[in-house]
């Protein structure tokens, strides 16, 4: 685990969610290693509000992203499309549209 953590300083993930009723949500996630754990700082920007969530820290990145996924479905379960971008020191990469 520590070998993976030392290979990056941080990774930023931007998730744009468009719901069928026309509202939009943008979730910005900055993932960075701290000692032997990973911390994800999450900001949620909606048409109506802005929220900065408490940092999610732990050794299991899957559990962290399960919590982040719950933020997407929290308000409205019917999603029209999702765009995901990852920003690293090597640039921006679009992971796809769903």
N, C-alpha and C. Protein backbone atom coordinates (compact mmCIF):
# COMPACT_ATOMS: atom_id res chain seq x y z
N UNK A 1 0.82 -1.19 0.00
CA UNK A 1 0.00 0.00 0.00
C UNK A 1 0.86 1.25 0.00
N UNK A 2 1.91 1.27 0.78
CA UNK A 2 2.73 2.48 0.87
C UNK A 2 3.45 2.78 -0.43
N UNK A 3 3.74 1.75 -1.25
CA UNK A 3 4.36 2.00 -2.54
C UNK A 3 3.42 2.77 -3.45
N UNK A 4 2.16 2.42 -3.41
CA UNK A 4 1.17 3.13 -4.23
C UNK A 4 1.05 4.57 -3.77
N UNK A 5 1.03 4.79 -2.48
CA UNK A 5 0.84 6.13 -1.94
C UNK A 5 2.00 7.06 -2.25
N UNK A 6 3.20 6.53 -2.35
CA UNK A 6 4.35 7.40 -2.60
C UNK A 6 4.50 7.76 -4.06
N UNK A 7 3.69 7.18 -4.95
CA UNK A 7 3.85 7.46 -6.37
C UNK A 7 3.11 8.73 -6.81
N UNK A 8 2.28 9.30 -5.98
CA UNK A 8 1.60 10.54 -6.36
C UNK A 8 1.51 11.49 -5.18
N UNK A 9 1.47 12.78 -5.51
CA UNK A 9 1.30 13.81 -4.48
C UNK A 9 -0.19 14.01 -4.23
N UNK A 10 -0.95 14.12 -5.29
CA UNK A 10 -2.41 14.19 -5.16
C UNK A 10 -3.03 13.86 -6.51
N UNK A 11 -4.27 13.49 -6.47
CA UNK A 11 -5.07 13.29 -7.67
C UNK A 11 -6.37 14.05 -7.45
N UNK A 12 -6.79 14.80 -8.45
CA UNK A 12 -8.05 15.52 -8.36
C UNK A 12 -9.03 14.88 -9.33
N UNK A 13 -10.23 14.63 -8.88
CA UNK A 13 -11.28 14.03 -9.69
C UNK A 13 -12.46 14.98 -9.72
N UNK A 14 -12.96 15.25 -10.91
CA UNK A 14 -14.13 16.11 -11.07
C UNK A 14 -15.24 15.27 -11.69
N UNK A 15 -16.37 15.22 -11.02
CA UNK A 15 -17.53 14.47 -11.50
C UNK A 15 -18.66 15.45 -11.75
N UNK A 16 -19.08 15.55 -13.00
CA UNK A 16 -20.22 16.39 -13.37
C UNK A 16 -21.43 15.49 -13.53
N UNK A 17 -22.47 15.75 -12.75
CA UNK A 17 -23.68 14.94 -12.79
C UNK A 17 -24.83 15.80 -13.28
N UNK A 18 -25.51 15.32 -14.31
CA UNK A 18 -26.70 16.02 -14.80
C UNK A 18 -27.90 15.11 -14.55
N UNK A 19 -28.88 15.64 -13.82
CA UNK A 19 -30.07 14.88 -13.48
C UNK A 19 -31.16 15.13 -14.52
N UNK A 20 -32.12 14.23 -14.60
CA UNK A 20 -33.16 14.33 -15.63
C UNK A 20 -34.05 15.56 -15.47
N UNK A 21 -34.13 16.11 -14.27
CA UNK A 21 -34.97 17.30 -14.08
C UNK A 21 -34.23 18.59 -14.44
N UNK A 22 -33.00 18.48 -14.95
CA UNK A 22 -32.25 19.64 -15.41
C UNK A 22 -31.28 20.22 -14.41
N UNK A 23 -31.29 19.76 -13.16
CA UNK A 23 -30.32 20.27 -12.19
C UNK A 23 -28.97 19.61 -12.41
N UNK A 24 -27.94 20.29 -11.96
CA UNK A 24 -26.58 19.81 -12.13
C UNK A 24 -25.86 19.81 -10.79
N UNK A 25 -24.98 18.86 -10.62
CA UNK A 25 -24.13 18.79 -9.44
C UNK A 25 -22.71 18.53 -9.90
N UNK A 26 -21.77 19.22 -9.31
CA UNK A 26 -20.36 18.97 -9.58
C UNK A 26 -19.71 18.53 -8.27
N UNK A 27 -19.04 17.39 -8.31
CA UNK A 27 -18.34 16.88 -7.14
C UNK A 27 -16.85 16.95 -7.44
N UNK A 28 -16.13 17.67 -6.59
CA UNK A 28 -14.68 17.82 -6.75
C UNK A 28 -14.02 17.07 -5.62
N UNK A 29 -13.12 16.16 -5.97
CA UNK A 29 -12.46 15.30 -4.99
C UNK A 29 -10.96 15.46 -5.13
N UNK A 30 -10.28 15.76 -4.04
CA UNK A 30 -8.82 15.78 -4.05
C UNK A 30 -8.36 14.64 -3.15
N UNK A 31 -7.67 13.68 -3.74
CA UNK A 31 -7.17 12.52 -3.01
C UNK A 31 -5.67 12.68 -2.83
N UNK A 32 -5.21 12.57 -1.59
CA UNK A 32 -3.77 12.68 -1.35
C UNK A 32 -3.35 11.74 -0.23
N UNK A 33 -2.12 11.26 -0.30
CA UNK A 33 -1.62 10.38 0.76
C UNK A 33 -1.19 11.18 1.98
N UNK A 34 -1.48 10.66 3.15
CA UNK A 34 -1.00 11.22 4.41
C UNK A 34 -0.47 10.05 5.22
N UNK A 35 0.83 9.99 5.37
CA UNK A 35 1.49 8.85 6.03
C UNK A 35 1.08 7.56 5.32
N UNK A 36 0.46 6.62 6.02
CA UNK A 36 0.06 5.35 5.41
C UNK A 36 -1.43 5.28 5.09
N UNK A 37 -2.07 6.43 5.02
CA UNK A 37 -3.50 6.44 4.69
C UNK A 37 -3.74 7.35 3.49
N UNK A 38 -4.94 7.28 2.98
CA UNK A 38 -5.37 8.15 1.89
C UNK A 38 -6.48 9.03 2.43
N UNK A 39 -6.41 10.31 2.10
CA UNK A 39 -7.48 11.23 2.50
C UNK A 39 -8.11 11.84 1.25
N UNK A 40 -9.43 11.85 1.24
CA UNK A 40 -10.17 12.46 0.14
C UNK A 40 -10.91 13.67 0.68
N UNK A 41 -10.63 14.82 0.11
CA UNK A 41 -11.33 16.05 0.45
C UNK A 41 -12.39 16.25 -0.64
N UNK A 42 -13.63 16.47 -0.23
CA UNK A 42 -14.75 16.48 -1.17
C UNK A 42 -15.52 17.79 -1.05
N UNK A 43 -15.76 18.40 -2.22
CA UNK A 43 -16.60 19.58 -2.31
C UNK A 43 -17.75 19.26 -3.26
N UNK A 44 -18.96 19.65 -2.89
CA UNK A 44 -20.14 19.41 -3.73
C UNK A 44 -20.74 20.77 -4.09
N UNK A 45 -20.83 21.04 -5.38
CA UNK A 45 -21.42 22.28 -5.88
C UNK A 45 -22.69 21.92 -6.63
N UNK A 46 -23.78 22.52 -6.23
CA UNK A 46 -25.07 22.25 -6.83
C UNK A 46 -25.63 23.56 -7.33
N UNK A 47 -26.72 23.49 -8.07
CA UNK A 47 -27.37 24.72 -8.52
C UNK A 47 -27.82 25.57 -7.34
N UNK A 48 -28.11 24.94 -6.21
CA UNK A 48 -28.67 25.64 -5.06
C UNK A 48 -27.73 25.82 -3.88
N UNK A 49 -26.66 25.04 -3.80
CA UNK A 49 -25.83 25.09 -2.60
C UNK A 49 -24.39 24.63 -2.87
N UNK A 50 -23.54 24.89 -1.90
CA UNK A 50 -22.14 24.46 -1.92
C UNK A 50 -21.85 23.81 -0.57
N UNK A 51 -21.26 22.63 -0.58
CA UNK A 51 -20.95 21.92 0.66
C UNK A 51 -19.50 21.44 0.61
N UNK A 52 -18.79 21.66 1.71
CA UNK A 52 -17.48 21.03 1.87
C UNK A 52 -17.64 19.93 2.90
N UNK A 53 -17.43 18.69 2.48
CA UNK A 53 -17.60 17.55 3.37
C UNK A 53 -16.38 17.38 4.25
N UNK A 54 -16.55 16.68 5.37
CA UNK A 54 -15.41 16.33 6.23
C UNK A 54 -14.48 15.42 5.43
N UNK A 55 -13.16 15.56 5.59
CA UNK A 55 -12.25 14.67 4.86
C UNK A 55 -12.52 13.20 5.18
N UNK A 56 -12.46 12.37 4.14
CA UNK A 56 -12.62 10.92 4.29
C UNK A 56 -11.23 10.31 4.26
N UNK A 57 -10.82 9.68 5.34
CA UNK A 57 -9.47 9.11 5.41
C UNK A 57 -9.55 7.63 5.76
N UNK A 58 -8.59 6.87 5.23
CA UNK A 58 -8.52 5.45 5.54
C UNK A 58 -7.57 4.72 4.62
N UNK A 59 -7.49 3.42 4.81
CA UNK A 59 -6.60 2.60 4.00
C UNK A 59 -7.31 2.00 2.80
N UNK A 60 -8.63 2.02 2.80
CA UNK A 60 -9.40 1.35 1.76
C UNK A 60 -10.03 2.39 0.84
N UNK A 61 -9.42 2.58 -0.32
CA UNK A 61 -9.90 3.59 -1.27
C UNK A 61 -11.30 3.25 -1.78
N UNK A 62 -11.64 1.96 -1.84
CA UNK A 62 -12.96 1.55 -2.32
C UNK A 62 -14.04 2.03 -1.35
N UNK A 63 -13.82 1.89 -0.06
CA UNK A 63 -14.80 2.37 0.93
C UNK A 63 -14.97 3.88 0.84
N UNK A 64 -13.86 4.58 0.64
CA UNK A 64 -13.92 6.04 0.51
C UNK A 64 -14.78 6.42 -0.69
N UNK A 65 -14.57 5.76 -1.83
CA UNK A 65 -15.34 6.11 -3.02
C UNK A 65 -16.78 5.62 -2.95
N UNK A 66 -17.08 4.62 -2.15
CA UNK A 66 -18.48 4.24 -1.92
C UNK A 66 -19.24 5.36 -1.22
N UNK A 67 -18.58 6.02 -0.27
CA UNK A 67 -19.20 7.17 0.40
C UNK A 67 -19.41 8.30 -0.60
N UNK A 68 -18.40 8.56 -1.43
CA UNK A 68 -18.52 9.63 -2.42
C UNK A 68 -19.64 9.32 -3.40
N UNK A 69 -19.78 8.06 -3.80
CA UNK A 69 -20.87 7.67 -4.70
C UNK A 69 -22.23 7.96 -4.08
N UNK A 70 -22.34 7.78 -2.77
CA UNK A 70 -23.62 8.06 -2.11
C UNK A 70 -23.98 9.54 -2.21
N UNK A 71 -22.98 10.43 -2.31
CA UNK A 71 -23.27 11.86 -2.49
C UNK A 71 -23.96 12.12 -3.82
N UNK A 72 -23.60 11.34 -4.85
CA UNK A 72 -24.19 11.53 -6.18
C UNK A 72 -25.67 11.18 -6.15
N UNK A 73 -26.01 10.11 -5.46
CA UNK A 73 -27.40 9.64 -5.44
C UNK A 73 -28.21 10.21 -4.29
N UNK A 74 -27.58 11.05 -3.47
CA UNK A 74 -28.22 11.55 -2.25
C UNK A 74 -29.49 12.34 -2.53
N UNK A 75 -29.43 13.28 -3.46
CA UNK A 75 -30.54 14.20 -3.67
C UNK A 75 -31.56 13.66 -4.67
N UNK A 76 -31.10 13.26 -5.82
CA UNK A 76 -31.99 12.80 -6.88
C UNK A 76 -31.45 11.49 -7.47
N UNK A 77 -32.23 10.44 -7.44
CA UNK A 77 -31.71 9.16 -7.93
C UNK A 77 -31.71 9.00 -9.44
N UNK A 78 -32.40 9.87 -10.18
CA UNK A 78 -32.51 9.69 -11.62
C UNK A 78 -31.48 10.57 -12.32
N UNK A 79 -30.43 9.93 -12.84
CA UNK A 79 -29.31 10.63 -13.45
C UNK A 79 -29.41 10.51 -14.97
N UNK A 80 -29.20 11.63 -15.66
CA UNK A 80 -29.19 11.61 -17.11
C UNK A 80 -27.81 11.26 -17.64
N UNK A 81 -26.76 11.93 -17.12
CA UNK A 81 -25.41 11.60 -17.56
C UNK A 81 -24.40 12.01 -16.50
N UNK A 82 -23.24 11.37 -16.55
CA UNK A 82 -22.15 11.65 -15.63
C UNK A 82 -20.87 11.76 -16.44
N UNK A 83 -20.12 12.84 -16.27
CA UNK A 83 -18.80 13.01 -16.88
C UNK A 83 -17.77 12.97 -15.77
N UNK A 84 -16.68 12.22 -15.99
CA UNK A 84 -15.65 12.08 -14.97
C UNK A 84 -14.31 12.48 -15.56
N UNK A 85 -13.59 13.37 -14.87
CA UNK A 85 -12.27 13.82 -15.28
C UNK A 85 -11.29 13.59 -14.14
N UNK A 86 -10.07 13.19 -14.47
CA UNK A 86 -9.02 13.01 -13.47
C UNK A 86 -7.88 13.95 -13.81
N UNK A 87 -7.39 14.69 -12.82
CA UNK A 87 -6.29 15.63 -13.01
C UNK A 87 -5.12 15.15 -12.17
N UNK A 88 -3.98 14.91 -12.84
CA UNK A 88 -2.75 14.53 -12.14
C UNK A 88 -1.65 15.45 -12.64
N UNK A 89 -0.44 15.20 -12.20
CA UNK A 89 0.69 16.00 -12.67
C UNK A 89 0.94 15.79 -14.16
N UNK A 90 0.37 14.74 -14.73
CA UNK A 90 0.53 14.47 -16.16
C UNK A 90 -0.55 15.12 -17.00
N UNK A 91 -1.49 15.80 -16.38
CA UNK A 91 -2.53 16.49 -17.13
C UNK A 91 -3.92 16.00 -16.79
N UNK A 92 -4.87 16.36 -17.66
CA UNK A 92 -6.28 16.02 -17.45
C UNK A 92 -6.65 14.84 -18.34
N UNK A 93 -7.37 13.89 -17.78
CA UNK A 93 -7.83 12.74 -18.56
C UNK A 93 -9.32 12.57 -18.32
N UNK A 94 -10.07 12.45 -19.42
CA UNK A 94 -11.50 12.19 -19.29
C UNK A 94 -11.69 10.69 -19.16
N UNK A 95 -12.32 10.25 -18.09
CA UNK A 95 -12.54 8.83 -17.87
C UNK A 95 -13.78 8.33 -18.59
N UNK A 96 -14.62 9.21 -19.00
CA UNK A 96 -15.77 8.76 -19.76
C UNK A 96 -17.05 9.44 -19.37
N UNK A 97 -18.02 9.19 -20.21
CA UNK A 97 -19.37 9.70 -19.98
C UNK A 97 -20.28 8.51 -19.82
N UNK A 98 -21.12 8.58 -18.82
CA UNK A 98 -22.01 7.45 -18.54
C UNK A 98 -23.44 7.95 -18.51
